[in-house]
Amino acid sequence: MIMTSQETDQGTNQGMLTLTAPKTIEESLVDFFLDSDHHYGFTSIPVRGHTSDHSGMSMIEQVTGRQEQVQFQILVDEAQAREICLRLEVMFSGAGIHFWFLTASLEGRI
């Protein structure tokens, strides 16, 4: 069934929480989501981060201009996204996780 974000069971807007993190904490983040009480389904994708800020980058990454990272995408409502980010901040403070949340206008399974 395909639903718009206004038709979700929770009555709040569903959206995509996206996290980009260093590869070094990938397994810890996978465990974080798999061990969650909320049983989030998520997607993880290898990505390359590009920035002019070289802090935390190896010499090779600085020369090539890209950093190997992992990206997680989780479909949740905004309140859940905030809760996840607060829990991540406690567990992974200073780890270099970047996040954003975008409201989904359409969601479903075919």
C-alpha atoms as a PDB file:
ATOM      1  CA  MET A   1       0.000   0.000   0.000  1.00  0.00           C
ATOM      2  CA  ILE A   2       1.355   3.394  -0.948  1.00  0.00           C
ATOM      3  CA  MET A   3       0.773   6.180   1.571  1.00  0.00           C
ATOM      4  CA  THR A   4       1.537   9.869   1.642  1.00  0.00           C
ATOM      5  CA  SER A   5       3.404  11.180   4.667  1.00  0.00           C
ATOM      6  CA  GLN A   6       0.133  12.594   6.045  1.00  0.00           C
ATOM      7  CA  GLU A   7      -1.426   9.092   6.120  1.00  0.00           C
ATOM      8  CA  THR A   8       1.102   7.318   8.343  1.00  0.00           C
ATOM      9  CA  ASP A   9      -0.056   5.314  11.353  1.00  0.00           C
ATOM     10  CA  GLN A  10       1.817   7.528  13.812  1.00  0.00           C
ATOM     11  CA  GLY A  11       0.081  10.649  12.580  1.00  0.00           C
ATOM     12  CA  THR A  12       3.429  12.363  12.101  1.00  0.00           C
ATOM     13  CA  ASN A  13       5.466  12.878   8.979  1.00  0.00           C
ATOM     14  CA  GLN A  14       7.676  10.022   7.907  1.00  0.00           C
ATOM     15  CA  GLY A  15      11.033  10.917   6.488  1.00  0.00           C
ATOM     16  CA  MET A  16      14.478   9.672   5.614  1.00  0.00           C
ATOM     17  CA  LEU A  17      17.116  10.025   8.310  1.00  0.00           C
ATOM     18  CA  THR A  18      20.487   9.870   6.582  1.00  0.00           C
ATOM     19  CA  LEU A  19      23.736   9.420   8.485  1.00  0.00           C
ATOM     20  CA  THR A  20      27.213   9.614   6.970  1.00  0.00           C
ATOM     21  CA  ALA A  21      29.973   8.209   9.162  1.00  0.00           C
ATOM     22  CA  PRO A  22      33.606   7.099   9.040  1.00  0.00           C
ATOM     23  CA  LYS A  23      34.119   3.490   7.898  1.00  0.00           C
ATOM     24  CA  THR A  24      35.913   2.813  11.183  1.00  0.00           C
ATOM     25  CA  ILE A  25      32.615   2.851  13.112  1.00  0.00           C
ATOM     26  CA  GLU A  26      30.467   1.063  10.510  1.00  0.00           C
ATOM     27  CA  GLU A  27      30.147  -2.203  12.467  1.00  0.00           C
ATOM     28  CA  SER A  28      29.338  -0.339  15.679  1.00  0.00           C
ATOM     29  CA  LEU A  29      26.572   1.575  13.900  1.00  0.00           C
ATOM     30  CA  VAL A  30      25.189  -1.620  12.351  1.00  0.00           C
ATOM     31  CA  ASP A  31      25.079  -3.134  15.857  1.00  0.00           C
ATOM     32  CA  PHE A  32      23.451   0.068  17.181  1.00  0.00           C
ATOM     33  CA  PHE A  33      20.566  -0.242  14.719  1.00  0.00           C
ATOM     34  CA  LEU A  34      20.220  -4.036  14.921  1.00  0.00           C
ATOM     35  CA  ASP A  35      20.109  -3.899  18.736  1.00  0.00           C
ATOM     36  CA  SER A  36      17.527  -1.094  18.768  1.00  0.00           C
ATOM     37  CA  ASP A  37      14.244  -1.739  20.572  1.00  0.00           C
ATOM     38  CA  HIS A  38      12.440  -0.110  17.653  1.00  0.00           C
ATOM     39  CA  HIS A  39      13.574  -2.704  15.094  1.00  0.00           C
ATOM     40  CA  TYR A  40      14.440  -0.156  12.427  1.00  0.00           C
ATOM     41  CA  GLY A  41      14.988  -1.438   8.943  1.00  0.00           C
ATOM     42  CA  PHE A  42      17.883   0.437   7.413  1.00  0.00           C
ATOM     43  CA  THR A  43      20.117   0.576   4.382  1.00  0.00           C
ATOM     44  CA  SER A  44      23.887   1.007   4.474  1.00  0.00           C
ATOM     45  CA  ILE A  45      25.834   2.202   1.479  1.00  0.00           C
ATOM     46  CA  PRO A  46      29.580   2.729   0.970  1.00  0.00           C
ATOM     47  CA  VAL A  47      30.144   6.364  -0.041  1.00  0.00           C
ATOM     48  CA  ARG A  48      33.027   8.784  -0.562  1.00  0.00           C
ATOM     49  CA  GLY A  49      32.979  12.046   1.338  1.00  0.00           C
ATOM     50  CA  HIS A  50      34.490  15.161  -0.214  1.00  0.00           C
ATOM     51  CA  THR A  51      35.445  18.216   1.831  1.00  0.00           C
ATOM     52  CA  SER A  52      38.083  20.908   2.048  1.00  0.00           C
ATOM     53  CA  ASP A  53      38.345  20.204   5.803  1.00  0.00           C
ATOM     54  CA  HIS A  54      41.116  17.607   6.041  1.00  0.00           C
ATOM     55  CA  SER A  55      40.818  16.936   9.773  1.00  0.00           C
ATOM     56  CA  GLY A  56      40.502  13.227  10.416  1.00  0.00           C
ATOM     57  CA  MET A  57      41.667  12.317   6.919  1.00  0.00           C
ATOM     58  CA  SER A  58      44.651  10.076   6.218  1.00  0.00           C
ATOM     59  CA  MET A  59      47.461  11.353   3.994  1.00  0.00           C
ATOM     60  CA  ILE A  60      46.144   9.268   1.074  1.00  0.00           C
ATOM     61  CA  GLU A  61      42.623  10.660   1.574  1.00  0.00           C
ATOM     62  CA  GLN A  62      44.004  14.201   1.614  1.00  0.00           C
ATOM     63  CA  VAL A  63      45.894  13.604  -1.650  1.00  0.00           C
ATOM     64  CA  THR A  64      42.954  11.910  -3.426  1.00  0.00           C
ATOM     65  CA  GLY A  65      40.436  14.431  -2.086  1.00  0.00           C
ATOM     66  CA  ARG A  66      37.983  11.837  -0.819  1.00  0.00           C
ATOM     67  CA  GLN A  67      37.327   9.893   2.331  1.00  0.00           C
ATOM     68  CA  GLU A  68      35.822   6.405   2.420  1.00  0.00           C
ATOM     69  CA  GLN A  69      32.665   6.542   4.532  1.00  0.00           C
ATOM     70  CA  VAL A  70      29.439   4.650   5.075  1.00  0.00           C
ATOM     71  CA  GLN A  71      25.948   6.072   4.777  1.00  0.00           C
ATOM     72  CA  PHE A  72      22.881   4.784   6.612  1.00  0.00           C
ATOM     73  CA  GLN A  73      19.315   5.534   5.584  1.00  0.00           C
ATOM     74  CA  ILE A  74      16.405   4.871   7.938  1.00  0.00           C
ATOM     75  CA  LEU A  75      12.728   5.632   7.271  1.00  0.00           C
ATOM     76  CA  VAL A  76      11.300   6.976  10.539  1.00  0.00           C
ATOM     77  CA  ASP A  77       9.108   9.793  11.788  1.00  0.00           C
ATOM     78  CA  GLU A  78      10.704  13.038  12.948  1.00  0.00           C
ATOM     79  CA  ALA A  79      10.389  12.232  16.659  1.00  0.00           C
ATOM     80  CA  GLN A  80      12.168   8.901  16.114  1.00  0.00           C
ATOM     81  CA  ALA A  81      14.883  10.661  14.082  1.00  0.00           C
ATOM     82  CA  ARG A  82      15.489  13.077  16.959  1.00  0.00           C
ATOM     83  CA  GLU A  83      15.622  10.202  19.465  1.00  0.00           C
ATOM     84  CA  ILE A  84      18.099   8.266  17.302  1.00  0.00           C
ATOM     85  CA  CYS A  85      20.347  11.317  16.957  1.00  0.00           C
ATOM     86  CA  LEU A  86      20.295  11.942  20.714  1.00  0.00           C
ATOM     87  CA  ARG A  87      21.247   8.312  21.408  1.00  0.00           C
ATOM     88  CA  LEU A  88      23.993   8.473  18.779  1.00  0.00           C
ATOM     89  CA  GLU A  89      25.336  11.674  20.324  1.00  0.00           C
ATOM     90  CA  VAL A  90      25.679   9.923  23.685  1.00  0.00           C
ATOM     91  CA  MET A  91      27.288   6.774  22.272  1.00  0.00           C
ATOM     92  CA  PHE A  92      29.404   8.256  19.443  1.00  0.00           C
ATOM     93  CA  SER A  93      30.205  11.807  20.544  1.00  0.00           C
ATOM     94  CA  GLY A  94      33.008  13.254  18.414  1.00  0.00           C
ATOM     95  CA  ALA A  95      32.983  10.318  15.965  1.00  0.00           C
ATOM     96  CA  GLY A  96      32.308  12.511  12.938  1.00  0.00           C
ATOM     97  CA  ILE A  97      28.750  11.400  12.127  1.00  0.00           C
ATOM     98  CA  HIS A  98      26.886  13.837   9.889  1.00  0.00           C
ATOM     99  CA  PHE A  99      23.089  13.545   9.700  1.00  0.00           C
ATOM    100  CA  TRP A 100      20.040  15.069   8.060  1.00  0.00           C
ATOM    101  CA  PHE A 101      16.312  14.348   7.916  1.00  0.00           C
ATOM    102  CA  LEU A 102      14.093  14.937   4.891  1.00  0.00           C
ATOM    103  CA  THR A 103      10.329  14.485   4.984  1.00  0.00           C
ATOM    104  CA  ALA A 104       9.074  11.804   2.615  1.00  0.00           C
ATOM    105  CA  SER A 105       6.045  12.754   0.544  1.00  0.00           C
ATOM    106  CA  LEU A 106       5.406   9.180  -0.564  1.00  0.00           C
ATOM    107  CA  GLU A 107       6.274   5.823   0.995  1.00  0.00           C
ATOM    108  CA  GLY A 108       5.145   2.225   0.598  1.00  0.00           C
ATOM    109  CA  ARG A 109       5.859  -1.307  -0.618  1.00  0.00           C
ATOM    110  CA  ILE A 110       5.059  -2.800  -3.995  1.00  0.00           C
END
